[in-house]
Amino acid sequence: MDQPKVAGTSPIRVELEAGKTYAWCTCGESTNQPFCDGGHKGSNFKPLVFTAEETKTVGLCTCKATGNPGFCDGSHKQL
């Protein structure tokens, strides 16, 4: 698997908590979108691990084509 699977065509809105660590799925194979569940095992993909700087609601990317990994930038509109 060289290209990520398109897991969805719209972002998933989630409430991030300040100081909490998250693992965003980069491969599109996770059944727990937009978060990693290990579906990338056996591929070259790894989750994007990040810590939220503040508590807020964000749109996390499911199409995996975003130019701002993890966060929706509207790239799904071009699919």
C-alpha atoms as a PDB file:
ATOM      1  CA  MET A   1       0.000   0.000   0.000  1.00  0.00           C
ATOM      2  CA  ASP A   2       1.774   3.135  -1.255  1.00  0.00           C
ATOM      3  CA  GLN A   3      -1.185   5.518  -1.314  1.00  0.00           C
ATOM      4  CA  PRO A   4      -3.600   5.997   1.574  1.00  0.00           C
ATOM      5  CA  LYS A   5      -7.160   4.755   1.238  1.00  0.00           C
ATOM      6  CA  VAL A   6      -9.809   7.484   1.104  1.00  0.00           C
ATOM      7  CA  ALA A   7     -11.686   6.725   4.320  1.00  0.00           C
ATOM      8  CA  GLY A   8     -14.268   9.459   3.834  1.00  0.00           C
ATOM      9  CA  THR A   9     -15.131  12.548   1.817  1.00  0.00           C
ATOM     10  CA  SER A  10     -15.815  14.930   4.669  1.00  0.00           C
ATOM     11  CA  PRO A  11     -14.024  15.758   7.913  1.00  0.00           C
ATOM     12  CA  ILE A  12     -15.000  14.320  11.261  1.00  0.00           C
ATOM     13  CA  ARG A  13     -15.516  16.961  13.929  1.00  0.00           C
ATOM     14  CA  VAL A  14     -13.925  16.074  17.247  1.00  0.00           C
ATOM     15  CA  GLU A  15     -13.312  17.865  20.519  1.00  0.00           C
ATOM     16  CA  LEU A  16      -9.586  17.838  21.254  1.00  0.00           C
ATOM     17  CA  GLU A  17      -8.523  18.235  24.878  1.00  0.00           C
ATOM     18  CA  ALA A  18      -5.506  20.403  25.736  1.00  0.00           C
ATOM     19  CA  GLY A  19      -2.491  18.284  26.674  1.00  0.00           C
ATOM     20  CA  LYS A  20      -4.000  15.026  25.391  1.00  0.00           C
ATOM     21  CA  THR A  21      -2.120  12.999  22.768  1.00  0.00           C
ATOM     22  CA  TYR A  22      -3.891  11.724  19.645  1.00  0.00           C
ATOM     23  CA  ALA A  23      -2.869   9.388  16.810  1.00  0.00           C
ATOM     24  CA  TRP A  24      -4.416  10.412  13.468  1.00  0.00           C
ATOM     25  CA  CYS A  25      -4.770   7.617  10.893  1.00  0.00           C
ATOM     26  CA  THR A  26      -2.600   8.277   7.820  1.00  0.00           C
ATOM     27  CA  CYS A  27      -3.371   5.069   5.894  1.00  0.00           C
ATOM     28  CA  GLY A  28      -7.172   5.247   5.742  1.00  0.00           C
ATOM     29  CA  GLU A  29      -7.526   1.615   6.867  1.00  0.00           C
ATOM     30  CA  SER A  30      -8.561   2.326  10.477  1.00  0.00           C
ATOM     31  CA  THR A  31     -12.121   1.388  11.438  1.00  0.00           C
ATOM     32  CA  ASN A  32     -11.876   4.078  14.143  1.00  0.00           C
ATOM     33  CA  GLN A  33     -11.591   7.093  11.794  1.00  0.00           C
ATOM     34  CA  PRO A  34     -10.091   9.616  12.081  1.00  0.00           C
ATOM     35  CA  PHE A  35      -7.886   7.911  14.675  1.00  0.00           C
ATOM     36  CA  CYS A  36      -5.434   5.039  14.253  1.00  0.00           C
ATOM     37  CA  ASP A  37      -6.444   1.530  15.292  1.00  0.00           C
ATOM     38  CA  GLY A  38      -3.360  -0.242  13.912  1.00  0.00           C
ATOM     39  CA  GLY A  39      -4.874  -0.934  10.473  1.00  0.00           C
ATOM     40  CA  HIS A  40      -1.593   0.199   8.894  1.00  0.00           C
ATOM     41  CA  LYS A  41       0.321  -2.860  10.173  1.00  0.00           C
ATOM     42  CA  GLY A  42       2.353  -4.422   7.382  1.00  0.00           C
ATOM     43  CA  SER A  43       2.526  -1.156   5.404  1.00  0.00           C
ATOM     44  CA  ASN A  44       4.886   1.821   5.368  1.00  0.00           C
ATOM     45  CA  PHE A  45       2.289   4.029   7.055  1.00  0.00           C
ATOM     46  CA  LYS A  46       2.546   5.254  10.646  1.00  0.00           C
ATOM     47  CA  PRO A  47       0.002   7.317  12.562  1.00  0.00           C
ATOM     48  CA  LEU A  48       0.579  11.039  12.982  1.00  0.00           C
ATOM     49  CA  VAL A  49       0.897  11.485  16.733  1.00  0.00           C
ATOM     50  CA  PHE A  50       0.232  14.957  18.119  1.00  0.00           C
ATOM     51  CA  THR A  51      -0.640  16.652  21.393  1.00  0.00           C
ATOM     52  CA  ALA A  52      -3.470  19.187  21.406  1.00  0.00           C
ATOM     53  CA  GLU A  53      -2.269  22.622  22.445  1.00  0.00           C
ATOM     54  CA  GLU A  54      -5.735  23.786  23.436  1.00  0.00           C
ATOM     55  CA  THR A  55      -9.198  22.401  23.987  1.00  0.00           C
ATOM     56  CA  LYS A  56     -11.261  23.016  20.869  1.00  0.00           C
ATOM     57  CA  THR A  57     -13.447  21.389  18.226  1.00  0.00           C
ATOM     58  CA  VAL A  58     -11.655  20.700  14.944  1.00  0.00           C
ATOM     59  CA  GLY A  59     -12.367  18.910  11.664  1.00  0.00           C
ATOM     60  CA  LEU A  60      -9.998  15.992  11.213  1.00  0.00           C
ATOM     61  CA  CYS A  61      -9.331  14.777   7.691  1.00  0.00           C
ATOM     62  CA  THR A  62     -10.683  11.428   6.482  1.00  0.00           C
ATOM     63  CA  CYS A  63      -9.761  11.711   2.778  1.00  0.00           C
ATOM     64  CA  LYS A  64      -6.025  11.638   3.632  1.00  0.00           C
ATOM     65  CA  ALA A  65      -5.273  14.183   0.875  1.00  0.00           C
ATOM     66  CA  THR A  66      -4.976  17.209   3.164  1.00  0.00           C
ATOM     67  CA  GLY A  67      -2.019  19.556   2.880  1.00  0.00           C
ATOM     68  CA  ASN A  68      -2.245  20.073   6.657  1.00  0.00           C
ATOM     69  CA  PRO A  69      -1.892  16.477   7.916  1.00  0.00           C
ATOM     70  CA  GLY A  70      -4.452  15.564  10.494  1.00  0.00           C
ATOM     71  CA  PHE A  71      -6.655  18.558   9.847  1.00  0.00           C
ATOM     72  CA  CYS A  72      -9.137  19.081   7.028  1.00  0.00           C
ATOM     73  CA  ASP A  73      -8.139  21.733   4.494  1.00  0.00           C
ATOM     74  CA  GLY A  74     -10.957  21.053   2.019  1.00  0.00           C
ATOM     75  CA  SER A  75      -8.922  18.719  -0.210  1.00  0.00           C
ATOM     76  CA  HIS A  76     -11.829  16.225  -0.204  1.00  0.00           C
ATOM     77  CA  LYS A  77     -13.699  18.614  -2.495  1.00  0.00           C
ATOM     78  CA  GLN A  78     -11.168  17.844  -5.266  1.00  0.00           C
ATOM     79  CA  LEU A  79     -11.608  14.046  -5.125  1.00  0.00           C
END
